[in-house]
C-alpha atoms as a PDB file:
ATOM      1  CA  MET A   1     202.003 -47.477 125.411  1.00  0.00           C
ATOM      2  CA  LYS A   2     199.797 -50.354 124.322  1.00  0.00           C
ATOM      3  CA  THR A   3     199.396 -51.446 120.727  1.00  0.00           C
ATOM      4  CA  ASP A   4     198.274 -54.557 118.887  1.00  0.00           C
ATOM      5  CA  LEU A   5     201.026 -54.381 116.272  1.00  0.00           C
ATOM      6  CA  LEU A   6     204.371 -52.591 116.244  1.00  0.00           C
ATOM      7  CA  ILE A   7     205.981 -52.216 112.838  1.00  0.00           C
ATOM      8  CA  ILE A   8     209.681 -51.474 112.995  1.00  0.00           C
ATOM      9  CA  GLY A   9     210.718 -49.406 110.006  1.00  0.00           C
ATOM     10  CA  GLY A  10     208.646 -46.737 108.304  1.00  0.00           C
ATOM     11  CA  GLY A  11     209.993 -47.241 104.810  1.00  0.00           C
ATOM     12  CA  PRO A  12     207.869 -48.491 101.915  1.00  0.00           C
ATOM     13  CA  ALA A  13     207.668 -52.043 103.290  1.00  0.00           C
ATOM     14  CA  GLY A  14     206.595 -50.825 106.728  1.00  0.00           C
ATOM     15  CA  LEU A  15     203.987 -48.483 105.282  1.00  0.00           C
ATOM     16  CA  GLN A  16     202.627 -51.234 103.063  1.00  0.00           C
ATOM     17  CA  ALA A  17     202.617 -53.711 105.967  1.00  0.00           C
ATOM     18  CA  ALA A  18     200.574 -51.322 108.127  1.00  0.00           C
ATOM     19  CA  PHE A  19     197.704 -50.879 105.705  1.00  0.00           C
ATOM     20  CA  GLU A  20     195.952 -54.249 105.923  1.00  0.00           C
ATOM     21  CA  PRO A  21     195.847 -54.558 109.730  1.00  0.00           C
ATOM     22  CA  VAL A  22     194.957 -50.911 110.413  1.00  0.00           C
ATOM     23  CA  SER A  23     192.167 -51.046 107.825  1.00  0.00           C
ATOM     24  CA  LYS A  24     190.738 -54.045 109.745  1.00  0.00           C
ATOM     25  CA  GLY A  25     190.705 -52.165 113.057  1.00  0.00           C
ATOM     26  CA  VAL A  26     194.015 -53.356 114.505  1.00  0.00           C
ATOM     27  CA  LYS A  27     195.795 -50.738 116.618  1.00  0.00           C
ATOM     28  CA  VAL A  28     199.093 -50.118 114.787  1.00  0.00           C
ATOM     29  CA  ALA A  29     202.259 -48.237 115.720  1.00  0.00           C
ATOM     30  CA  ILE A  30     205.092 -47.609 113.259  1.00  0.00           C
ATOM     31  CA  ALA A  31     208.562 -46.765 114.588  1.00  0.00           C
ATOM     32  CA  ASP A  32     211.409 -45.409 112.493  1.00  0.00           C
ATOM     33  CA  GLU A  33     214.772 -43.867 113.317  1.00  0.00           C
ATOM     34  CA  SER A  34     214.302 -41.055 110.795  1.00  0.00           C
ATOM     35  CA  PHE A  35     212.446 -37.784 111.297  1.00  0.00           C
ATOM     36  CA  ALA A  36     210.057 -38.671 108.434  1.00  0.00           C
ATOM     37  CA  PHE A  37     208.442 -41.807 107.074  1.00  0.00           C
ATOM     38  CA  GLY A  38     208.854 -43.240 103.597  1.00  0.00           C
ATOM     39  CA  GLY A  39     212.485 -44.330 103.722  1.00  0.00           C
ATOM     40  CA  GLN A  40     214.551 -43.838 100.583  1.00  0.00           C
ATOM     41  CA  LEU A  41     211.426 -43.225  98.493  1.00  0.00           C
ATOM     42  CA  ARG A  42     211.360 -39.669  99.845  1.00  0.00           C
ATOM     43  CA  GLN A  43     214.490 -38.975  97.760  1.00  0.00           C
ATOM     44  CA  GLN A  44     213.845 -41.095  94.661  1.00  0.00           C
ATOM     45  CA  THR A  45     213.035 -38.907  91.689  1.00  0.00           C
ATOM     46  CA  GLN A  46     213.467 -41.571  89.030  1.00  0.00           C
ATOM     47  CA  VAL A  47     210.424 -43.370  87.627  1.00  0.00           C
ATOM     48  CA  PHE A  48     209.876 -46.937  88.813  1.00  0.00           C
ATOM     49  CA  ASP A  49     208.400 -49.069  86.048  1.00  0.00           C
ATOM     50  CA  CYS A  50     208.238 -52.490  87.719  1.00  0.00           C
ATOM     51  CA  LEU A  51     205.901 -51.833  90.645  1.00  0.00           C
ATOM     52  CA  PRO A  52     203.343 -54.439  91.735  1.00  0.00           C
ATOM     53  CA  GLN A  53     199.633 -53.888  91.179  1.00  0.00           C
ATOM     54  CA  PRO A  54     197.769 -51.623  91.900  1.00  0.00           C
ATOM     55  CA  TYR A  55     200.633 -49.156  91.436  1.00  0.00           C
ATOM     56  CA  GLU A  56     201.517 -47.722  88.056  1.00  0.00           C
ATOM     57  CA  GLU A  57     204.801 -46.315  86.776  1.00  0.00           C
ATOM     58  CA  GLU A  58     205.661 -43.362  88.956  1.00  0.00           C
ATOM     59  CA  ARG A  59     208.422 -41.525  90.733  1.00  0.00           C
ATOM     60  CA  GLY A  60     209.519 -42.717  94.149  1.00  0.00           C
ATOM     61  CA  THR A  61     208.517 -39.426  95.750  1.00  0.00           C
ATOM     62  CA  VAL A  62     204.983 -39.790  94.362  1.00  0.00           C
ATOM     63  CA  LEU A  63     204.766 -43.402  95.496  1.00  0.00           C
ATOM     64  CA  CYS A  64     205.864 -42.352  98.977  1.00  0.00           C
ATOM     65  CA  GLU A  65     203.042 -39.817  99.155  1.00  0.00           C
ATOM     66  CA  LYS A  66     200.510 -42.395  97.930  1.00  0.00           C
ATOM     67  CA  LEU A  67     201.564 -44.858 100.627  1.00  0.00           C
ATOM     68  CA  MET A  68     201.309 -42.142 103.281  1.00  0.00           C
ATOM     69  CA  ASP A  69     197.956 -40.895 101.937  1.00  0.00           C
ATOM     70  CA  ARG A  70     196.466 -44.403 102.251  1.00  0.00           C
ATOM     71  CA  LEU A  71     197.332 -44.436 105.949  1.00  0.00           C
ATOM     72  CA  ARG A  72     196.319 -40.881 106.875  1.00  0.00           C
ATOM     73  CA  PRO A  73     192.610 -41.660 107.491  1.00  0.00           C
ATOM     74  CA  PHE A  74     193.519 -44.220 110.167  1.00  0.00           C
ATOM     75  CA  GLU A  75     194.654 -43.791 113.746  1.00  0.00           C
ATOM     76  CA  ILE A  76     198.295 -44.872 113.712  1.00  0.00           C
ATOM     77  CA  GLU A  77     200.852 -44.151 116.396  1.00  0.00           C
ATOM     78  CA  TRP A  78     203.687 -42.547 114.379  1.00  0.00           C
ATOM     79  CA  LEU A  79     206.980 -42.911 116.258  1.00  0.00           C
ATOM     80  CA  SER A  80     209.670 -40.991 114.394  1.00  0.00           C
ATOM     81  CA  ARG A  81     213.228 -40.617 115.707  1.00  0.00           C
ATOM     82  CA  HIS A  82     213.007 -43.872 117.631  1.00  0.00           C
ATOM     83  CA  THR A  83     215.850 -46.313 117.999  1.00  0.00           C
ATOM     84  CA  LEU A  84     214.884 -49.893 118.700  1.00  0.00           C
ATOM     85  CA  ILE A  85     217.055 -52.524 120.293  1.00  0.00           C
ATOM     86  CA  GLY A  86     216.242 -56.209 120.496  1.00  0.00           C
ATOM     87  CA  THR A  87     217.773 -58.847 122.717  1.00  0.00           C
ATOM     88  CA  TYR A  88     217.381 -62.501 121.949  1.00  0.00           C
END
């Protein structure tokens, strides 16, 4: 597999981090150990009221869907159920 950018972790930070490069034409892959992307937001039913702009007060589950919806138009290599190991 060849990619320009590999994002490790498909939680809210990983989804947010993917948007800018993929919208500029960078080939992006996102790997996560879970079967679905969105991290803990997929389970958060409480309303978050201190989100950065452009997000408004909303439930975590809704925010998760918004982050995913922003990425759906782009070609991203979605790698669920992947374990990554680094050696340094």
